[in-house]
Amino acid sequence: MSDISKSEKILDALQQLLEERSIQHISVSDIAAKAGIGKGSIYYYYPSKDAIVDALIKRSYEKPLQTAKTLSAKSDISSFTRMAMLFQACQNSSAIFLKQKHNTSASAQDLALLHQKYLNYLISELKPALTEIISQGIACGEIHFDYPAALAEIALIVIAVKFDNSLIPSTPEEIKDTLKGLTSLLEKGTGVPTGALAYLSILK
């Protein structure tokens, strides 16, 4: 069996176990038994159970985020268009997470842990791509701002939290109002033309 196959079997095993019991009641031995491999083999791929959980989160939402990260290299597309596509990827990823969350029998404590890991992963993975897009926009004069990384982080935190809609449960109208407010702040704070980021207001 290849290394990739074993690694995937470990993640598959954890995913199956999460549908049966809480994270607290899943041991590395349980994962190994479910995957049909020796416990020692687990540590060749992952140093701990927590690392396996992190890897499962990454695998579950990798596709929409990889699309977003690819956009940062496409300098022939305007910064605003790429930002729109990246935020759409953020929304798509959130939709996948929410769907999987509702399809599991995990406890509230488990869901809270997975939720925290998911938001951390989403924001940390998208921040470099968005920072690069903003930096390119600054370089070509489309965006006027001195702190691209900070701007990327602020925008992603607001968007991820609103799309996820778990930390601060909101009605669709409240979510739309928040995104409109963020759009206005971004446009006024970065000197971009009014309406250039209007797509933010219509997401969701």
C-alpha atoms as a PDB file:
ATOM      1  CA  MET A   1       0.000   0.000   0.000  1.00  0.00           C
ATOM      2  CA  SER A   2       1.383   3.442  -0.931  1.00  0.00           C
ATOM      3  CA  ASP A   3       2.051   6.170   1.625  1.00  0.00           C
ATOM      4  CA  ILE A   4      -0.777   8.245   0.143  1.00  0.00           C
ATOM      5  CA  SER A   5      -3.217   5.340   0.428  1.00  0.00           C
ATOM      6  CA  LYS A   6      -2.319   4.737   4.084  1.00  0.00           C
ATOM      7  CA  SER A   7      -2.593   8.410   4.901  1.00  0.00           C
ATOM      8  CA  GLU A   8      -6.032   8.574   3.272  1.00  0.00           C
ATOM      9  CA  LYS A   9      -7.151   5.411   5.062  1.00  0.00           C
ATOM     10  CA  ILE A  10      -6.265   7.029   8.380  1.00  0.00           C
ATOM     11  CA  LEU A  11      -8.349  10.106   7.556  1.00  0.00           C
ATOM     12  CA  ASP A  12     -11.221   7.952   6.283  1.00  0.00           C
ATOM     13  CA  ALA A  13     -11.119   5.986   9.532  1.00  0.00           C
ATOM     14  CA  LEU A  14     -11.332   9.105  11.680  1.00  0.00           C
ATOM     15  CA  GLN A  15     -14.185  10.480   9.570  1.00  0.00           C
ATOM     16  CA  GLN A  16     -16.131   7.240  10.030  1.00  0.00           C
ATOM     17  CA  LEU A  17     -15.449   7.161  13.766  1.00  0.00           C
ATOM     18  CA  LEU A  18     -16.669  10.744  14.174  1.00  0.00           C
ATOM     19  CA  GLU A  19     -20.049   9.596  12.889  1.00  0.00           C
ATOM     20  CA  GLU A  20     -20.214   7.002  15.662  1.00  0.00           C
ATOM     21  CA  ARG A  21     -18.753   8.658  18.758  1.00  0.00           C
ATOM     22  CA  SER A  22     -17.249  11.845  20.186  1.00  0.00           C
ATOM     23  CA  ILE A  23     -13.664  12.935  19.569  1.00  0.00           C
ATOM     24  CA  GLN A  24     -12.872  12.491  23.265  1.00  0.00           C
ATOM     25  CA  HIS A  25     -13.753   8.802  22.987  1.00  0.00           C
ATOM     26  CA  ILE A  26     -11.645   8.152  19.892  1.00  0.00           C
ATOM     27  CA  SER A  27      -8.071   7.021  20.460  1.00  0.00           C
ATOM     28  CA  VAL A  28      -5.189   6.580  18.040  1.00  0.00           C
ATOM     29  CA  SER A  29      -5.629   2.846  18.578  1.00  0.00           C
ATOM     30  CA  ASP A  30      -9.273   3.126  17.495  1.00  0.00           C
ATOM     31  CA  ILE A  31      -8.250   4.964  14.343  1.00  0.00           C
ATOM     32  CA  ALA A  32      -5.576   2.379  13.559  1.00  0.00           C
ATOM     33  CA  ALA A  33      -8.017  -0.491  14.067  1.00  0.00           C
ATOM     34  CA  LYS A  34     -10.641   1.168  11.879  1.00  0.00           C
ATOM     35  CA  ALA A  35      -8.046   1.834   9.166  1.00  0.00           C
ATOM     36  CA  GLY A  36      -6.759  -1.719   9.370  1.00  0.00           C
ATOM     37  CA  ILE A  37      -3.147  -0.715  10.035  1.00  0.00           C
ATOM     38  CA  GLY A  38      -0.790  -0.933  12.999  1.00  0.00           C
ATOM     39  CA  LYS A  39      -0.891   1.804  15.630  1.00  0.00           C
ATOM     40  CA  GLY A  40       2.814   2.467  15.076  1.00  0.00           C
ATOM     41  CA  SER A  41       2.138   3.251  11.435  1.00  0.00           C
ATOM     42  CA  ILE A  42      -0.155   6.117  12.450  1.00  0.00           C
ATOM     43  CA  TYR A  43       2.752   8.024  13.975  1.00  0.00           C
ATOM     44  CA  TYR A  44       4.736   7.733  10.760  1.00  0.00           C
ATOM     45  CA  TYR A  45       2.143   9.992   9.113  1.00  0.00           C
ATOM     46  CA  TYR A  46       0.740  12.022  12.004  1.00  0.00           C
ATOM     47  CA  PRO A  47       2.367  12.889  15.353  1.00  0.00           C
ATOM     48  CA  SER A  48      -0.938  12.933  17.267  1.00  0.00           C
ATOM     49  CA  LYS A  49      -4.699  12.521  17.099  1.00  0.00           C
ATOM     50  CA  ASP A  50      -5.021  16.295  16.939  1.00  0.00           C
ATOM     51  CA  ALA A  51      -2.837  16.327  13.825  1.00  0.00           C
ATOM     52  CA  ILE A  52      -5.123  13.748  12.207  1.00  0.00           C
ATOM     53  CA  VAL A  53      -8.144  15.966  12.945  1.00  0.00           C
ATOM     54  CA  ASP A  54      -6.333  18.950  11.388  1.00  0.00           C
ATOM     55  CA  ALA A  55      -5.498  16.907   8.288  1.00  0.00           C
ATOM     56  CA  LEU A  56      -9.118  15.793   7.968  1.00  0.00           C
ATOM     57  CA  ILE A  57     -10.282  19.412   8.116  1.00  0.00           C
ATOM     58  CA  LYS A  58      -7.755  20.330   5.428  1.00  0.00           C
ATOM     59  CA  ARG A  59      -8.808  17.485   3.145  1.00  0.00           C
ATOM     60  CA  SER A  60     -12.504  18.246   3.518  1.00  0.00           C
ATOM     61  CA  TYR A  61     -12.229  21.843   2.313  1.00  0.00           C
ATOM     62  CA  GLU A  62      -9.116  21.739   0.163  1.00  0.00           C
ATOM     63  CA  LYS A  63     -10.775  21.922  -3.268  1.00  0.00           C
ATOM     64  CA  PRO A  64     -12.540  25.323  -3.013  1.00  0.00           C
ATOM     65  CA  LEU A  65      -9.545  26.807  -1.197  1.00  0.00           C
ATOM     66  CA  GLN A  66      -7.043  25.539  -3.775  1.00  0.00           C
ATOM     67  CA  THR A  67      -9.096  27.269  -6.467  1.00  0.00           C
ATOM     68  CA  ALA A  68      -8.867  30.485  -4.490  1.00  0.00           C
ATOM     69  CA  LYS A  69      -5.117  30.209  -3.960  1.00  0.00           C
ATOM     70  CA  THR A  70      -4.545  29.658  -7.680  1.00  0.00           C
ATOM     71  CA  LEU A  71      -6.172  33.037  -8.365  1.00  0.00           C
ATOM     72  CA  SER A  72      -3.394  34.969  -6.628  1.00  0.00           C
ATOM     73  CA  ALA A  73      -1.030  34.130  -9.504  1.00  0.00           C
ATOM     74  CA  LYS A  74      -3.389  35.260 -12.280  1.00  0.00           C
ATOM     75  CA  SER A  75      -2.256  38.870 -12.598  1.00  0.00           C
ATOM     76  CA  ASP A  76      -4.026  39.198 -15.963  1.00  0.00           C
ATOM     77  CA  ILE A  77      -7.356  39.228 -14.082  1.00  0.00           C
ATOM     78  CA  SER A  78      -8.263  42.407 -12.197  1.00  0.00           C
ATOM     79  CA  SER A  79      -7.751  42.461  -8.441  1.00  0.00           C
ATOM     80  CA  PHE A  80     -11.449  43.077  -7.841  1.00  0.00           C
ATOM     81  CA  THR A  81     -12.523  40.074  -9.927  1.00  0.00           C
ATOM     82  CA  ARG A  82     -10.046  37.812  -8.150  1.00  0.00           C
ATOM     83  CA  MET A  83     -11.196  39.071  -4.762  1.00  0.00           C
ATOM     84  CA  ALA A  84     -14.786  38.288  -5.748  1.00  0.00           C
ATOM     85  CA  MET A  85     -13.816  34.759  -6.795  1.00  0.00           C
ATOM     86  CA  LEU A  86     -11.815  34.209  -3.601  1.00  0.00           C
ATOM     87  CA  PHE A  87     -14.717  35.316  -1.408  1.00  0.00           C
ATOM     88  CA  GLN A  88     -17.010  33.034  -3.406  1.00  0.00           C
ATOM     89  CA  ALA A  89     -14.628  30.170  -2.661  1.00  0.00           C
ATOM     90  CA  CYS A  90     -14.843  31.117   1.013  1.00  0.00           C
ATOM     91  CA  GLN A  91     -18.631  30.912   0.812  1.00  0.00           C
ATOM     92  CA  ASN A  92     -18.493  27.568  -1.008  1.00  0.00           C
ATOM     93  CA  SER A  93     -16.179  26.150   1.637  1.00  0.00           C
ATOM     94  CA  SER A  94     -18.494  27.350   4.414  1.00  0.00           C
ATOM     95  CA  ALA A  95     -21.459  25.701   2.683  1.00  0.00           C
ATOM     96  CA  ILE A  96     -19.584  22.375   2.584  1.00  0.00           C
ATOM     97  CA  PHE A  97     -18.684  22.661   6.270  1.00  0.00           C
ATOM     98  CA  LEU A  98     -22.244  23.491   7.320  1.00  0.00           C
ATOM     99  CA  LYS A  99     -23.627  20.583   5.290  1.00  0.00           C
ATOM    100  CA  GLN A 100     -21.182  18.131   6.847  1.00  0.00           C
ATOM    101  CA  LYS A 101     -21.853  19.554  10.308  1.00  0.00           C
ATOM    102  CA  HIS A 102     -25.580  18.873   9.984  1.00  0.00           C
ATOM    103  CA  ASN A 103     -24.934  15.332   8.722  1.00  0.00           C
ATOM    104  CA  THR A 104     -22.965  14.186  11.746  1.00  0.00           C
ATOM    105  CA  SER A 105     -24.023  12.837  15.127  1.00  0.00           C
ATOM    106  CA  ALA A 106     -21.082  14.528  16.854  1.00  0.00           C
ATOM    107  CA  SER A 107     -21.682  16.222  20.203  1.00  0.00           C
ATOM    108  CA  ALA A 108     -21.918  19.982  20.631  1.00  0.00           C
ATOM    109  CA  GLN A 109     -18.419  19.944  22.147  1.00  0.00           C
ATOM    110  CA  ASP A 110     -17.028  18.070  19.140  1.00  0.00           C
ATOM    111  CA  LEU A 111     -18.733  20.421  16.715  1.00  0.00           C
ATOM    112  CA  ALA A 112     -17.331  23.429  18.565  1.00  0.00           C
ATOM    113  CA  LEU A 113     -13.801  21.993  18.300  1.00  0.00           C
ATOM    114  CA  LEU A 114     -14.204  21.161  14.608  1.00  0.00           C
ATOM    115  CA  HIS A 115     -15.736  24.572  14.011  1.00  0.00           C
ATOM    116  CA  GLN A 116     -12.803  26.362  15.626  1.00  0.00           C
ATOM    117  CA  LYS A 117     -10.306  24.331  13.627  1.00  0.00           C
ATOM    118  CA  TYR A 118     -12.259  24.940  10.428  1.00  0.00           C
ATOM    119  CA  LEU A 119     -12.381  28.734  10.816  1.00  0.00           C
ATOM    120  CA  ASN A 120      -8.693  28.847  11.741  1.00  0.00           C
ATOM    121  CA  TYR A 121      -7.823  26.768   8.680  1.00  0.00           C
ATOM    122  CA  LEU A 122     -10.050  28.765   6.346  1.00  0.00           C
ATOM    123  CA  ILE A 123      -8.677  32.159   7.356  1.00  0.00           C
ATOM    124  CA  SER A 124      -5.011  31.106   7.584  1.00  0.00           C
ATOM    125  CA  GLU A 125      -5.132  29.365   4.189  1.00  0.00           C
ATOM    126  CA  LEU A 126      -6.878  32.189   2.341  1.00  0.00           C
ATOM    127  CA  LYS A 127      -4.980  35.086   3.943  1.00  0.00           C
ATOM    128  CA  PRO A 128      -1.741  34.736   1.906  1.00  0.00           C
ATOM    129  CA  ALA A 129      -3.700  34.525  -1.378  1.00  0.00           C
ATOM    130  CA  LEU A 130      -5.855  37.552  -0.558  1.00  0.00           C
ATOM    131  CA  THR A 131      -2.818  39.503   0.685  1.00  0.00           C
ATOM    132  CA  GLU A 132      -1.073  38.815  -2.635  1.00  0.00           C
ATOM    133  CA  ILE A 133      -4.116  39.931  -4.619  1.00  0.00           C
ATOM    134  CA  ILE A 134      -4.403  43.155  -2.589  1.00  0.00           C
ATOM    135  CA  SER A 135      -0.646  43.788  -2.900  1.00  0.00           C
ATOM    136  CA  GLN A 136      -0.877  43.428  -6.682  1.00  0.00           C
ATOM    137  CA  GLY A 137      -3.838  45.799  -6.678  1.00  0.00           C
ATOM    138  CA  ILE A 138      -1.771  48.325  -4.713  1.00  0.00           C
ATOM    139  CA  ALA A 139       1.178  47.938  -7.087  1.00  0.00           C
ATOM    140  CA  CYS A 140      -0.930  48.692 -10.156  1.00  0.00           C
ATOM    141  CA  GLY A 141      -2.804  51.576  -8.532  1.00  0.00           C
ATOM    142  CA  GLU A 142      -6.213  49.894  -8.230  1.00  0.00           C
ATOM    143  CA  ILE A 143      -6.101  49.795  -4.429  1.00  0.00           C
ATOM    144  CA  HIS A 144      -4.669  52.390  -2.042  1.00  0.00           C
ATOM    145  CA  PHE A 145      -3.765  50.925   1.354  1.00  0.00           C
ATOM    146  CA  ASP A 146      -0.584  50.493   3.395  1.00  0.00           C
ATOM    147  CA  TYR A 147      -1.326  47.221   5.178  1.00  0.00           C
ATOM    148  CA  PRO A 148      -2.429  44.509   2.712  1.00  0.00           C
ATOM    149  CA  ALA A 149      -2.002  41.576   5.130  1.00  0.00           C
ATOM    150  CA  ALA A 150      -4.033  43.302   7.855  1.00  0.00           C
ATOM    151  CA  LEU A 151      -6.752  44.212   5.348  1.00  0.00           C
ATOM    152  CA  ALA A 152      -6.889  40.613   4.100  1.00  0.00           C
ATOM    153  CA  GLU A 153      -7.216  39.249   7.636  1.00  0.00           C
ATOM    154  CA  ILE A 154      -9.944  41.722   8.644  1.00  0.00           C
ATOM    155  CA  ALA A 155     -12.006  41.007   5.534  1.00  0.00           C
ATOM    156  CA  LEU A 156     -11.665  37.228   5.893  1.00  0.00           C
ATOM    157  CA  ILE A 157     -12.583  37.201   9.588  1.00  0.00           C
ATOM    158  CA  VAL A 158     -15.789  39.147   8.947  1.00  0.00           C
ATOM    159  CA  ILE A 159     -16.733  37.156   5.855  1.00  0.00           C
ATOM    160  CA  ALA A 160     -15.912  33.735   7.308  1.00  0.00           C
ATOM    161  CA  VAL A 161     -17.841  34.421  10.523  1.00  0.00           C
ATOM    162  CA  LYS A 162     -20.895  35.730   8.663  1.00  0.00           C
ATOM    163  CA  PHE A 163     -20.943  32.902   6.104  1.00  0.00           C
ATOM    164  CA  ASP A 164     -20.487  30.318   8.843  1.00  0.00           C
ATOM    165  CA  ASN A 165     -23.307  31.960  10.825  1.00  0.00           C
ATOM    166  CA  SER A 166     -22.635  29.949  13.991  1.00  0.00           C
ATOM    167  CA  LEU A 167     -20.617  32.262  16.222  1.00  0.00           C
ATOM    168  CA  ILE A 168     -23.086  35.154  15.812  1.00  0.00           C
ATOM    169  CA  PRO A 169     -26.315  33.657  14.384  1.00  0.00           C
ATOM    170  CA  SER A 170     -27.921  36.198  12.063  1.00  0.00           C
ATOM    171  CA  THR A 171     -30.859  36.439   9.719  1.00  0.00           C
ATOM    172  CA  PRO A 172     -30.160  36.606   5.953  1.00  0.00           C
ATOM    173  CA  GLU A 173     -31.016  40.313   6.094  1.00  0.00           C
ATOM    174  CA  GLU A 174     -28.560  40.944   8.925  1.00  0.00           C
ATOM    175  CA  ILE A 175     -25.829  39.078   7.064  1.00  0.00           C
ATOM    176  CA  LYS A 176     -26.487  41.169   3.958  1.00  0.00           C
ATOM    177  CA  ASP A 177     -26.353  44.397   5.990  1.00  0.00           C
ATOM    178  CA  THR A 178     -23.007  43.364   7.533  1.00  0.00           C
ATOM    179  CA  LEU A 179     -21.550  42.595   4.103  1.00  0.00           C
ATOM    180  CA  LYS A 180     -22.832  45.920   2.782  1.00  0.00           C
ATOM    181  CA  GLY A 181     -21.130  47.669   5.689  1.00  0.00           C
ATOM    182  CA  LEU A 182     -17.879  45.801   5.024  1.00  0.00           C
ATOM    183  CA  THR A 183     -18.111  46.702   1.335  1.00  0.00           C
ATOM    184  CA  SER A 184     -18.529  50.377   2.149  1.00  0.00           C
ATOM    185  CA  LEU A 185     -15.600  50.346   4.587  1.00  0.00           C
ATOM    186  CA  LEU A 186     -13.337  48.563   2.107  1.00  0.00           C
ATOM    187  CA  GLU A 187     -14.212  50.924  -0.732  1.00  0.00           C
ATOM    188  CA  LYS A 188     -13.783  54.099   1.330  1.00  0.00           C
ATOM    189  CA  GLY A 189     -10.715  52.839   3.167  1.00  0.00           C
ATOM    190  CA  THR A 190      -8.840  51.695   0.062  1.00  0.00           C
ATOM    191  CA  GLY A 191      -9.878  54.417  -2.380  1.00  0.00           C
ATOM    192  CA  VAL A 192     -11.436  52.014  -4.873  1.00  0.00           C
ATOM    193  CA  PRO A 193     -14.379  53.228  -6.980  1.00  0.00           C
ATOM    194  CA  THR A 194     -17.804  52.968  -5.353  1.00  0.00           C
ATOM    195  CA  GLY A 195     -19.436  49.768  -6.530  1.00  0.00           C
ATOM    196  CA  ALA A 196     -16.155  48.026  -7.338  1.00  0.00           C
ATOM    197  CA  LEU A 197     -16.702  45.594  -4.463  1.00  0.00           C
ATOM    198  CA  ALA A 198     -20.485  45.428  -4.721  1.00  0.00           C
ATOM    199  CA  TYR A 199     -20.339  41.658  -5.224  1.00  0.00           C
ATOM    200  CA  LEU A 200     -19.713  41.318  -1.483  1.00  0.00           C
ATOM    201  CA  SER A 201     -23.199  42.623  -0.755  1.00  0.00           C
ATOM    202  CA  ILE A 202     -24.938  40.012  -2.905  1.00  0.00           C
ATOM    203  CA  LEU A 203     -23.044  36.924  -1.706  1.00  0.00           C
ATOM    204  CA  LYS A 204     -24.924  34.424   0.471  1.00  0.00           C
END
